[in-house]
Amino acid sequence: MTVKHDFAAEMLLDVSEDDQARIHLMKSNSWIGYSRAISIRNQLFDLLGHPRTHRMPNLAVIAETNNGKSMLLANFCKHANPPEDLNAEKTVLPVLMVQTPPSADEGRLYYAILDRLCAAGSAREPEDSKLRRLSIILQHLETRMLILDDFFNIASSTPSRRRKFLNALRNLSIALQMPIVISGTPETLNILSVDPSIANRFKPVFLSKWSEAQLEEFGRFVLSVEKTLLLKKPCQLMGVEPLKKLLLFGEGLIGEVVAVMRLMAEWAIRSGTETFGDDELTRENLKALGWVMPSDRSRHRG
C-alpha cells in the first residue's frame, strides 16, 4: 500500500542527534568526479607541469553558474598542493587560487593575490612595488600556476578598463612565467574578445550542462552523488523517468541536481523512509519542500 506523505510537515520533524549529524555531513560540499570534469582536471595538471617559457599557455574554464567550475578548481588545488604541515621546513604552494576582484583594476588584482598570501600591505602601495613583492613571494613558494575564479566579476567595468586589466594579466603571466587559469560564465569569452591577442592566449574548455543525450553518463553521475547522501536504503533513480526528472528540476546544472538530491535525502531522513525515487520526485513535492526552479528564482526576489 502506498503511503501518503505530507512532505512539508515531515521536513519539519525533529530527528536524533545522529541523524542531524548525518544531514549536516551530507550537505557538506564535495566534488563529484565525472568524465568531462576529470578530463579538464587532467588538462590543468598538464598545464601545471608545462616548462617555464616566455609565452606560457593559459586556460579559461567556462560553465554556467552553479555548474561545478569552482568545485572542480578547488578539487584540483587540493590534489596539486601539499597538505598543510606546520612542521615543514619550507612552505610550498604550487597552485594559487584567488577570487577575481570586483572591478578591472591592476592594483586591486595584485592586492587580492597578496591578501590571499597574507602579505597585502597598504592598498596605496604602487603597482610596481606590489608586483615585485608578489614575484618574490611566489618564487619562494615555488608557485607554478595562478587561478582567477569568477572572472566575470570585471564585466561591470568599462571596456577600456577591462582592456587594461587584460594587458596586466598578460604581463603578469610573462613576468611570473607561469600559466594563468580563469573561470567564468560563457559571457567571459566576450570580455576576452576585446583583445584578440589576449583571447588567443586563453584556450577555452567547457563544462556543459547535462542533457538527455547524455542520460547514461548522467546516471553514473547520479549514482556517485547518491553515495554521498548517507541514506540507509538505496534510492530508485536509475530509470529513464527519474533521471529525466532530475535533469528537468535541476535544469541540467550540476549544482542544482545535487541540491535537489540532497533536499530529497534530507526529507527521506526526517520522514524515516531513508530512500526516494520516481514516485517522490514530483514538482508538487519539491515545491512543498521549498524548491524553486533555477530559472524561476528571479521572479521570487524581493
C-alpha atoms as a PDB file:
ATOM      1  CA  MET A   1       0.000   0.000   0.000  1.00  0.00           C
ATOM      2  CA  THR A   2       1.331   3.421  -0.987  1.00  0.00           C
ATOM      3  CA  VAL A   3       1.915   5.718   1.980  1.00  0.00           C
ATOM      4  CA  LYS A   4       0.657   9.281   1.570  1.00  0.00           C
ATOM      5  CA  HIS A   5       3.282  11.752   2.728  1.00  0.00           C
ATOM      6  CA  ASP A   6       2.906  15.343   3.857  1.00  0.00           C
ATOM      7  CA  PHE A   7       6.291  16.480   2.602  1.00  0.00           C
ATOM      8  CA  ALA A   8       6.188  19.956   4.103  1.00  0.00           C
ATOM      9  CA  ALA A   9       5.210  18.664   7.565  1.00  0.00           C
ATOM     10  CA  GLU A  10       7.683  15.779   7.526  1.00  0.00           C
ATOM     11  CA  MET A  11      10.513  18.161   6.631  1.00  0.00           C
ATOM     12  CA  LEU A  12       9.938  19.876   9.998  1.00  0.00           C
ATOM     13  CA  LEU A  13      10.108  16.694  12.070  1.00  0.00           C
ATOM     14  CA  ASP A  14      12.759  16.512  14.762  1.00  0.00           C
ATOM     15  CA  VAL A  15      15.452  13.911  14.301  1.00  0.00           C
ATOM     16  CA  SER A  16      18.031  12.286  16.549  1.00  0.00           C
ATOM     17  CA  GLU A  17      21.461  13.810  17.042  1.00  0.00           C
ATOM     18  CA  ASP A  18      22.938  11.070  14.865  1.00  0.00           C
ATOM     19  CA  ASP A  19      20.512  11.822  12.037  1.00  0.00           C
ATOM     20  CA  GLN A  20      21.120  15.560  12.406  1.00  0.00           C
ATOM     21  CA  ALA A  21      24.856  14.905  12.119  1.00  0.00           C
ATOM     22  CA  ARG A  22      24.186  12.759   9.051  1.00  0.00           C
ATOM     23  CA  ILE A  23      22.195  15.573   7.415  1.00  0.00           C
ATOM     24  CA  HIS A  24      24.941  18.058   8.207  1.00  0.00           C
ATOM     25  CA  LEU A  25      27.630  15.805   6.766  1.00  0.00           C
ATOM     26  CA  MET A  26      25.533  15.075   3.683  1.00  0.00           C
ATOM     27  CA  LYS A  27      25.218  18.804   2.982  1.00  0.00           C
ATOM     28  CA  SER A  28      28.973  19.352   3.112  1.00  0.00           C
ATOM     29  CA  ASN A  29      30.497  20.390  -0.187  1.00  0.00           C
ATOM     30  CA  SER A  30      32.149  17.521  -2.001  1.00  0.00           C
ATOM     31  CA  TRP A  31      33.366  17.234  -5.566  1.00  0.00           C
ATOM     32  CA  ILE A  32      31.731  14.534  -7.670  1.00  0.00           C
ATOM     33  CA  GLY A  33      34.010  13.478 -10.495  1.00  0.00           C
ATOM     34  CA  TYR A  34      32.693  12.577 -13.950  1.00  0.00           C
ATOM     35  CA  SER A  35      34.358  12.162 -17.332  1.00  0.00           C
ATOM     36  CA  ARG A  36      34.270  15.774 -18.596  1.00  0.00           C
ATOM     37  CA  ALA A  37      35.317  17.269 -15.261  1.00  0.00           C
ATOM     38  CA  ILE A  38      38.122  14.718 -14.855  1.00  0.00           C
ATOM     39  CA  SER A  39      39.306  15.484 -18.399  1.00  0.00           C
ATOM     40  CA  ILE A  40      39.548  19.198 -17.573  1.00  0.00           C
ATOM     41  CA  ARG A  41      41.323  18.431 -14.301  1.00  0.00           C
ATOM     42  CA  ASN A  42      43.856  16.372 -16.260  1.00  0.00           C
ATOM     43  CA  GLN A  43      44.394  19.337 -18.591  1.00  0.00           C
ATOM     44  CA  LEU A  44      45.081  21.501 -15.536  1.00  0.00           C
ATOM     45  CA  PHE A  45      47.704  19.028 -14.305  1.00  0.00           C
ATOM     46  CA  ASP A  46      49.326  19.012 -17.754  1.00  0.00           C
ATOM     47  CA  LEU A  47      49.406  22.798 -17.674  1.00  0.00           C
ATOM     48  CA  LEU A  48      50.908  22.758 -14.192  1.00  0.00           C
ATOM     49  CA  GLY A  49      53.801  20.648 -15.482  1.00  0.00           C
ATOM     50  CA  HIS A  50      54.471  22.879 -18.501  1.00  0.00           C
ATOM     51  CA  PRO A  51      58.093  24.106 -18.638  1.00  0.00           C
ATOM     52  CA  ARG A  52      58.575  27.809 -17.974  1.00  0.00           C
ATOM     53  CA  THR A  53      58.680  29.821 -21.187  1.00  0.00           C
ATOM     54  CA  HIS A  54      58.276  33.461 -22.178  1.00  0.00           C
ATOM     55  CA  ARG A  55      54.786  32.734 -23.552  1.00  0.00           C
ATOM     56  CA  MET A  56      53.016  30.406 -21.160  1.00  0.00           C
ATOM     57  CA  PRO A  57      49.789  28.704 -22.260  1.00  0.00           C
ATOM     58  CA  ASN A  58      46.688  29.728 -20.343  1.00  0.00           C
ATOM     59  CA  LEU A  59      43.228  28.248 -19.877  1.00  0.00           C
ATOM     60  CA  ALA A  60      39.670  29.543 -19.499  1.00  0.00           C
ATOM     61  CA  VAL A  61      37.251  27.173 -17.732  1.00  0.00           C
ATOM     62  CA  ILE A  62      33.771  28.132 -18.932  1.00  0.00           C
ATOM     63  CA  ALA A  63      30.485  26.983 -17.397  1.00  0.00           C
ATOM     64  CA  GLU A  64      27.062  28.254 -16.449  1.00  0.00           C
ATOM     65  CA  THR A  65      26.548  29.457 -12.879  1.00  0.00           C
ATOM     66  CA  ASN A  66      26.336  26.542 -10.414  1.00  0.00           C
ATOM     67  CA  ASN A  67      27.644  24.011 -12.898  1.00  0.00           C
ATOM     68  CA  GLY A  68      30.690  22.884 -10.962  1.00  0.00           C
ATOM     69  CA  LYS A  69      33.616  25.011 -12.169  1.00  0.00           C
ATOM     70  CA  SER A  70      34.623  26.377  -8.753  1.00  0.00           C
ATOM     71  CA  MET A  71      34.317  22.930  -7.145  1.00  0.00           C
ATOM     72  CA  LEU A  72      36.437  21.451  -9.931  1.00  0.00           C
ATOM     73  CA  LEU A  73      39.152  24.077  -9.437  1.00  0.00           C
ATOM     74  CA  ALA A  74      39.088  23.655  -5.661  1.00  0.00           C
ATOM     75  CA  ASN A  75      39.463  19.887  -6.067  1.00  0.00           C
ATOM     76  CA  PHE A  76      42.390  20.428  -8.437  1.00  0.00           C
ATOM     77  CA  CYS A  77      44.070  22.716  -5.902  1.00  0.00           C
ATOM     78  CA  LYS A  78      43.509  20.152  -3.165  1.00  0.00           C
ATOM     79  CA  HIS A  79      45.345  17.488  -5.184  1.00  0.00           C
ATOM     80  CA  ALA A  80      48.032  19.776  -6.627  1.00  0.00           C
ATOM     81  CA  ASN A  81      49.040  21.428  -3.357  1.00  0.00           C
ATOM     82  CA  PRO A  82      50.630  19.538  -0.462  1.00  0.00           C
ATOM     83  CA  PRO A  83      48.662  19.252   2.785  1.00  0.00           C
ATOM     84  CA  GLU A  84      49.344  21.929   5.373  1.00  0.00           C
ATOM     85  CA  ASP A  85      52.197  20.962   7.669  1.00  0.00           C
ATOM     86  CA  LEU A  86      53.143  23.402  10.414  1.00  0.00           C
ATOM     87  CA  ASN A  87      56.348  21.414  10.987  1.00  0.00           C
ATOM     88  CA  ALA A  88      57.511  21.566   7.378  1.00  0.00           C
ATOM     89  CA  GLU A  89      60.895  23.204   6.839  1.00  0.00           C
ATOM     90  CA  LYS A  90      59.544  25.155   3.873  1.00  0.00           C
ATOM     91  CA  THR A  91      56.061  26.079   2.670  1.00  0.00           C
ATOM     92  CA  VAL A  92      55.345  25.414  -0.989  1.00  0.00           C
ATOM     93  CA  LEU A  93      52.194  26.350  -2.900  1.00  0.00           C
ATOM     94  CA  PRO A  94      52.276  25.068  -6.492  1.00  0.00           C
ATOM     95  CA  VAL A  95      48.807  26.441  -7.283  1.00  0.00           C
ATOM     96  CA  LEU A  96      47.401  29.723  -6.010  1.00  0.00           C
ATOM     97  CA  MET A  97      43.663  30.303  -6.436  1.00  0.00           C
ATOM     98  CA  VAL A  98      42.086  33.704  -5.745  1.00  0.00           C
ATOM     99  CA  GLN A  99      38.766  35.427  -6.343  1.00  0.00           C
ATOM    100  CA  THR A 100      38.853  37.907  -9.214  1.00  0.00           C
ATOM    101  CA  PRO A 101      38.398  41.432  -7.791  1.00  0.00           C
ATOM    102  CA  PRO A 102      35.033  43.120  -8.407  1.00  0.00           C
ATOM    103  CA  SER A 103      36.478  45.663 -10.823  1.00  0.00           C
ATOM    104  CA  ALA A 104      39.052  45.614 -13.613  1.00  0.00           C
ATOM    105  CA  ASP A 105      41.912  47.227 -11.736  1.00  0.00           C
ATOM    106  CA  GLU A 106      45.525  46.047 -11.893  1.00  0.00           C
ATOM    107  CA  GLY A 107      46.332  47.290  -8.396  1.00  0.00           C
ATOM    108  CA  ARG A 108      43.316  45.532  -6.892  1.00  0.00           C
ATOM    109  CA  LEU A 109      44.326  42.306  -8.624  1.00  0.00           C
ATOM    110  CA  TYR A 110      47.815  42.427  -7.094  1.00  0.00           C
ATOM    111  CA  TYR A 111      46.314  43.356  -3.724  1.00  0.00           C
ATOM    112  CA  ALA A 112      43.860  40.430  -3.879  1.00  0.00           C
ATOM    113  CA  ILE A 113      46.695  37.995  -4.619  1.00  0.00           C
ATOM    114  CA  LEU A 114      48.911  39.420  -1.864  1.00  0.00           C
ATOM    115  CA  ASP A 115      45.987  39.391   0.566  1.00  0.00           C
ATOM    116  CA  ARG A 116      45.405  35.706  -0.212  1.00  0.00           C
ATOM    117  CA  LEU A 117      49.060  35.180   0.724  1.00  0.00           C
ATOM    118  CA  CYS A 118      48.639  37.194   3.972  1.00  0.00           C
ATOM    119  CA  ALA A 119      51.025  39.832   2.626  1.00  0.00           C
ATOM    120  CA  ALA A 120      48.634  42.561   1.470  1.00  0.00           C
ATOM    121  CA  GLY A 121      50.382  45.618   2.907  1.00  0.00           C
ATOM    122  CA  SER A 122      48.924  49.032   2.066  1.00  0.00           C
ATOM    123  CA  ALA A 123      46.219  49.413  -0.564  1.00  0.00           C
ATOM    124  CA  ARG A 124      48.028  52.585  -1.675  1.00  0.00           C
ATOM    125  CA  GLU A 125      51.269  50.732  -2.420  1.00  0.00           C
ATOM    126  CA  PRO A 126      52.377  51.422  -6.022  1.00  0.00           C
ATOM    127  CA  GLU A 127      51.549  48.691  -8.530  1.00  0.00           C
ATOM    128  CA  ASP A 128      55.221  48.119  -9.438  1.00  0.00           C
ATOM    129  CA  SER A 129      56.049  47.542  -5.786  1.00  0.00           C
ATOM    130  CA  LYS A 130      53.169  45.093  -5.383  1.00  0.00           C
ATOM    131  CA  LEU A 131      54.283  43.178  -8.459  1.00  0.00           C
ATOM    132  CA  ARG A 132      57.897  42.978  -7.213  1.00  0.00           C
ATOM    133  CA  ARG A 133      56.808  41.654  -3.824  1.00  0.00           C
ATOM    134  CA  LEU A 134      54.394  39.271  -5.481  1.00  0.00           C
ATOM    135  CA  SER A 135      57.114  37.865  -7.728  1.00  0.00           C
ATOM    136  CA  ILE A 136      59.468  37.318  -4.787  1.00  0.00           C
ATOM    137  CA  ILE A 137      56.836  35.611  -2.620  1.00  0.00           C
ATOM    138  CA  LEU A 138      55.615  33.306  -5.390  1.00  0.00           C
ATOM    139  CA  GLN A 139      59.192  32.381  -6.232  1.00  0.00           C
ATOM    140  CA  HIS A 140      59.804  31.367  -2.599  1.00  0.00           C
ATOM    141  CA  LEU A 141      56.540  29.406  -2.561  1.00  0.00           C
ATOM    142  CA  GLU A 142      57.513  27.686  -5.828  1.00  0.00           C
ATOM    143  CA  THR A 143      54.134  28.639  -7.265  1.00  0.00           C
ATOM    144  CA  ARG A 144      53.658  27.439 -10.833  1.00  0.00           C
ATOM    145  CA  MET A 145      50.044  28.371 -11.593  1.00  0.00           C
ATOM    146  CA  LEU A 146      47.651  31.203 -10.792  1.00  0.00           C
ATOM    147  CA  ILE A 147      43.863  30.625 -10.909  1.00  0.00           C
ATOM    148  CA  LEU A 148      41.414  33.532 -11.004  1.00  0.00           C
ATOM    149  CA  ASP A 149      37.927  32.294 -10.149  1.00  0.00           C
ATOM    150  CA  ASP A 150      34.721  34.170 -11.107  1.00  0.00           C
ATOM    151  CA  PHE A 151      36.479  36.179 -13.801  1.00  0.00           C
ATOM    152  CA  PHE A 152      33.163  37.646 -14.939  1.00  0.00           C
ATOM    153  CA  ASN A 153      33.386  39.930 -11.872  1.00  0.00           C
ATOM    154  CA  ILE A 154      35.146  42.522 -14.024  1.00  0.00           C
ATOM    155  CA  ALA A 155      32.242  42.734 -16.501  1.00  0.00           C
ATOM    156  CA  SER A 156      30.844  45.842 -14.787  1.00  0.00           C
ATOM    157  CA  SER A 157      33.988  47.836 -15.613  1.00  0.00           C
ATOM    158  CA  THR A 158      34.278  49.944 -18.748  1.00  0.00           C
ATOM    159  CA  PRO A 159      35.707  48.348 -21.919  1.00  0.00           C
ATOM    160  CA  SER A 160      38.875  50.459 -21.651  1.00  0.00           C
ATOM    161  CA  ARG A 161      39.484  49.368 -18.040  1.00  0.00           C
ATOM    162  CA  ARG A 162      38.849  45.751 -18.988  1.00  0.00           C
ATOM    163  CA  ARG A 163      41.344  46.009 -21.840  1.00  0.00           C
ATOM    164  CA  LYS A 164      43.943  47.480 -19.486  1.00  0.00           C
ATOM    165  CA  PHE A 165      43.232  44.716 -16.962  1.00  0.00           C
ATOM    166  CA  LEU A 166      43.692  42.022 -19.600  1.00  0.00           C
ATOM    167  CA  ASN A 167      47.006  43.553 -20.625  1.00  0.00           C
ATOM    168  CA  ALA A 168      48.073  43.473 -16.981  1.00  0.00           C
ATOM    169  CA  LEU A 169      47.101  39.820 -16.855  1.00  0.00           C
ATOM    170  CA  ARG A 170      49.197  39.059 -19.915  1.00  0.00           C
ATOM    171  CA  ASN A 171      52.161  40.955 -18.445  1.00  0.00           C
ATOM    172  CA  LEU A 172      51.714  39.110 -15.153  1.00  0.00           C
ATOM    173  CA  SER A 173      51.906  35.751 -16.916  1.00  0.00           C
ATOM    174  CA  ILE A 174      55.063  36.870 -18.720  1.00  0.00           C
ATOM    175  CA  ALA A 175      56.674  38.333 -15.591  1.00  0.00           C
ATOM    176  CA  LEU A 176      55.966  35.272 -13.445  1.00  0.00           C
ATOM    177  CA  GLN A 177      56.470  32.762 -16.273  1.00  0.00           C
ATOM    178  CA  MET A 178      53.509  30.726 -15.126  1.00  0.00           C
ATOM    179  CA  PRO A 179      50.169  29.767 -16.691  1.00  0.00           C
ATOM    180  CA  ILE A 180      47.075  31.654 -15.622  1.00  0.00           C
ATOM    181  CA  VAL A 181      43.708  29.913 -15.453  1.00  0.00           C
ATOM    182  CA  ILE A 182      40.486  31.902 -15.347  1.00  0.00           C
ATOM    183  CA  SER A 183      36.995  30.592 -14.739  1.00  0.00           C
ATOM    184  CA  GLY A 184      33.675  32.183 -15.512  1.00  0.00           C
ATOM    185  CA  THR A 185      30.325  32.040 -17.241  1.00  0.00           C
ATOM    186  CA  PRO A 186      30.104  31.954 -21.064  1.00  0.00           C
ATOM    187  CA  GLU A 187      29.968  35.780 -21.062  1.00  0.00           C
ATOM    188  CA  THR A 188      33.607  35.677 -20.002  1.00  0.00           C
ATOM    189  CA  LEU A 189      34.504  34.923 -23.611  1.00  0.00           C
ATOM    190  CA  ASN A 190      33.022  38.302 -24.582  1.00  0.00           C
ATOM    191  CA  ILE A 191      35.358  40.000 -22.106  1.00  0.00           C
ATOM    192  CA  LEU A 192      38.377  38.231 -23.603  1.00  0.00           C
ATOM    193  CA  SER A 193      37.301  39.089 -27.157  1.00  0.00           C
ATOM    194  CA  VAL A 194      38.001  42.815 -26.713  1.00  0.00           C
ATOM    195  CA  ASP A 195      41.649  41.975 -27.374  1.00  0.00           C
ATOM    196  CA  PRO A 196      42.242  39.093 -29.847  1.00  0.00           C
ATOM    197  CA  SER A 197      45.877  38.779 -28.740  1.00  0.00           C
ATOM    198  CA  ILE A 198      44.643  38.093 -25.189  1.00  0.00           C
ATOM    199  CA  ALA A 199      41.811  35.799 -26.282  1.00  0.00           C
ATOM    200  CA  ASN A 200      44.275  33.652 -28.241  1.00  0.00           C
ATOM    201  CA  ARG A 201      46.311  33.100 -25.084  1.00  0.00           C
ATOM    202  CA  PHE A 202      43.368  31.570 -23.194  1.00  0.00           C
ATOM    203  CA  LYS A 203      42.227  28.242 -24.550  1.00  0.00           C
ATOM    204  CA  PRO A 204      38.561  27.782 -23.573  1.00  0.00           C
ATOM    205  CA  VAL A 205      37.369  24.473 -22.122  1.00  0.00           C
ATOM    206  CA  PHE A 206      33.681  23.966 -21.387  1.00  0.00           C
ATOM    207  CA  LEU A 207      31.740  22.312 -18.600  1.00  0.00           C
ATOM    208  CA  SER A 208      28.444  21.963 -20.425  1.00  0.00           C
ATOM    209  CA  LYS A 209      25.064  21.355 -18.825  1.00  0.00           C
ATOM    210  CA  TRP A 210      23.725  17.818 -18.750  1.00  0.00           C
ATOM    211  CA  SER A 211      21.182  16.840 -21.416  1.00  0.00           C
ATOM    212  CA  GLU A 212      19.007  13.820 -22.201  1.00  0.00           C
ATOM    213  CA  ALA A 213      21.527  12.848 -24.878  1.00  0.00           C
ATOM    214  CA  GLN A 214      23.955  12.056 -22.012  1.00  0.00           C
ATOM    215  CA  LEU A 215      21.455  10.102 -19.928  1.00  0.00           C
ATOM    216  CA  GLU A 216      23.699   7.054 -19.475  1.00  0.00           C
ATOM    217  CA  GLU A 217      26.646   9.075 -18.198  1.00  0.00           C
ATOM    218  CA  PHE A 218      24.284  11.260 -16.182  1.00  0.00           C
ATOM    219  CA  GLY A 219      23.017   8.100 -14.495  1.00  0.00           C
ATOM    220  CA  ARG A 220      26.564   7.243 -13.423  1.00  0.00           C
ATOM    221  CA  PHE A 221      26.934  10.755 -12.034  1.00  0.00           C
ATOM    222  CA  VAL A 222      23.666  10.399 -10.090  1.00  0.00           C
ATOM    223  CA  LEU A 223      24.888   7.104  -8.624  1.00  0.00           C
ATOM    224  CA  SER A 224      28.076   8.843  -7.464  1.00  0.00           C
ATOM    225  CA  VAL A 225      26.030  11.576  -5.808  1.00  0.00           C
ATOM    226  CA  GLU A 226      23.751   9.003  -4.164  1.00  0.00           C
ATOM    227  CA  LYS A 227      26.730   7.533  -2.319  1.00  0.00           C
ATOM    228  CA  THR A 228      27.262  10.896  -0.597  1.00  0.00           C
ATOM    229  CA  LEU A 229      23.643  11.142   0.628  1.00  0.00           C
ATOM    230  CA  LEU A 230      24.251   8.697   3.502  1.00  0.00           C
ATOM    231  CA  LEU A 231      20.796   7.109   3.255  1.00  0.00           C
ATOM    232  CA  LYS A 232      20.229   3.697   4.819  1.00  0.00           C
ATOM    233  CA  LYS A 233      18.385   2.328   1.785  1.00  0.00           C
ATOM    234  CA  PRO A 234      19.241   2.533  -1.933  1.00  0.00           C
ATOM    235  CA  CYS A 235      17.353   5.102  -3.974  1.00  0.00           C
ATOM    236  CA  GLN A 236      15.310   4.216  -7.049  1.00  0.00           C
ATOM    237  CA  LEU A 237      16.779   6.692  -9.543  1.00  0.00           C
ATOM    238  CA  MET A 238      18.234   4.632 -12.379  1.00  0.00           C
ATOM    239  CA  GLY A 239      15.139   4.554 -14.546  1.00  0.00           C
ATOM    240  CA  VAL A 240      14.713   6.867 -17.510  1.00  0.00           C
ATOM    241  CA  GLU A 241      11.864   8.784 -15.882  1.00  0.00           C
ATOM    242  CA  PRO A 242      13.563   9.697 -12.562  1.00  0.00           C
ATOM    243  CA  LEU A 243      16.749  10.675 -14.397  1.00  0.00           C
ATOM    244  CA  LYS A 244      14.766  12.915 -16.739  1.00  0.00           C
ATOM    245  CA  LYS A 245      13.044  14.473 -13.736  1.00  0.00           C
ATOM    246  CA  LEU A 246      16.387  15.245 -12.087  1.00  0.00           C
ATOM    247  CA  LEU A 247      17.541  16.849 -15.330  1.00  0.00           C
ATOM    248  CA  LEU A 248      14.328  18.855 -15.526  1.00  0.00           C
ATOM    249  CA  PHE A 249      14.215  20.066 -11.925  1.00  0.00           C
ATOM    250  CA  GLY A 250      17.946  20.855 -11.875  1.00  0.00           C
ATOM    251  CA  GLU A 251      17.818  22.325 -15.392  1.00  0.00           C
ATOM    252  CA  GLY A 252      20.887  20.277 -16.311  1.00  0.00           C
ATOM    253  CA  LEU A 253      23.152  22.135 -13.864  1.00  0.00           C
ATOM    254  CA  ILE A 254      25.404  20.019 -11.671  1.00  0.00           C
ATOM    255  CA  GLY A 255      24.989  22.100  -8.542  1.00  0.00           C
ATOM    256  CA  GLU A 256      21.207  22.205  -8.909  1.00  0.00           C
ATOM    257  CA  VAL A 257      20.891  18.451  -9.496  1.00  0.00           C
ATOM    258  CA  VAL A 258      22.959  17.795  -6.377  1.00  0.00           C
ATOM    259  CA  ALA A 259      20.836  20.294  -4.424  1.00  0.00           C
ATOM    260  CA  VAL A 260      17.617  18.518  -5.465  1.00  0.00           C
ATOM    261  CA  MET A 261      19.039  15.154  -4.417  1.00  0.00           C
ATOM    262  CA  ARG A 262      20.233  16.497  -1.074  1.00  0.00           C
ATOM    263  CA  LEU A 263      16.866  18.109  -0.408  1.00  0.00           C
ATOM    264  CA  MET A 264      15.094  14.821  -1.115  1.00  0.00           C
ATOM    265  CA  ALA A 265      17.632  12.950   1.004  1.00  0.00           C
ATOM    266  CA  GLU A 266      17.035  15.259   3.966  1.00  0.00           C
ATOM    267  CA  TRP A 267      13.314  14.623   3.644  1.00  0.00           C
ATOM    268  CA  ALA A 268      13.987  10.871   3.459  1.00  0.00           C
ATOM    269  CA  ILE A 269      15.986  11.017   6.688  1.00  0.00           C
ATOM    270  CA  ARG A 270      13.473  13.203   8.548  1.00  0.00           C
ATOM    271  CA  SER A 271      10.485  11.142   7.396  1.00  0.00           C
ATOM    272  CA  GLY A 272      12.180   7.853   8.194  1.00  0.00           C
ATOM    273  CA  THR A 273      11.731   6.464   4.671  1.00  0.00           C
ATOM    274  CA  GLU A 274      15.523   6.531   4.079  1.00  0.00           C
ATOM    275  CA  THR A 275      15.029   6.417   0.303  1.00  0.00           C
ATOM    276  CA  PHE A 276      13.322   8.196  -2.589  1.00  0.00           C
ATOM    277  CA  GLY A 277      12.641   7.543  -6.239  1.00  0.00           C
ATOM    278  CA  ASP A 278      10.377   8.320  -9.158  1.00  0.00           C
ATOM    279  CA  ASP A 279       7.156   8.423  -7.099  1.00  0.00           C
ATOM    280  CA  GLU A 280       8.556  11.037  -4.702  1.00  0.00           C
ATOM    281  CA  LEU A 281      10.288  13.134  -7.365  1.00  0.00           C
ATOM    282  CA  THR A 282       7.428  15.395  -8.398  1.00  0.00           C
ATOM    283  CA  ARG A 283       7.141  19.118  -8.918  1.00  0.00           C
ATOM    284  CA  GLU A 284       4.475  19.308  -6.179  1.00  0.00           C
ATOM    285  CA  ASN A 285       6.614  17.514  -3.612  1.00  0.00           C
ATOM    286  CA  LEU A 286       9.664  19.615  -4.350  1.00  0.00           C
ATOM    287  CA  LYS A 287       7.562  22.764  -4.107  1.00  0.00           C
ATOM    288  CA  ALA A 288       6.327  21.590  -0.693  1.00  0.00           C
ATOM    289  CA  LEU A 289       9.963  21.242   0.348  1.00  0.00           C
ATOM    290  CA  GLY A 290      10.668  24.826  -0.749  1.00  0.00           C
ATOM    291  CA  TRP A 291      12.376  24.083  -4.053  1.00  0.00           C
ATOM    292  CA  VAL A 292      12.267  26.812  -6.699  1.00  0.00           C
ATOM    293  CA  MET A 293      13.426  26.083 -10.234  1.00  0.00           C
ATOM    294  CA  PRO A 294      16.653  27.976 -11.045  1.00  0.00           C
ATOM    295  CA  SER A 295      15.081  29.894 -13.933  1.00  0.00           C
ATOM    296  CA  ASP A 296      12.160  30.951 -11.698  1.00  0.00           C
ATOM    297  CA  ARG A 297      14.234  32.424  -8.875  1.00  0.00           C
ATOM    298  CA  SER A 298      14.434  35.940 -10.320  1.00  0.00           C
ATOM    299  CA  ARG A 299      10.637  36.109 -10.067  1.00  0.00           C
ATOM    300  CA  HIS A 300      10.775  35.309  -6.367  1.00  0.00           C
ATOM    301  CA  ARG A 301      13.237  38.048  -5.391  1.00  0.00           C
ATOM    302  CA  GLY A 302      12.141  40.919  -3.244  1.00  0.00           C
END
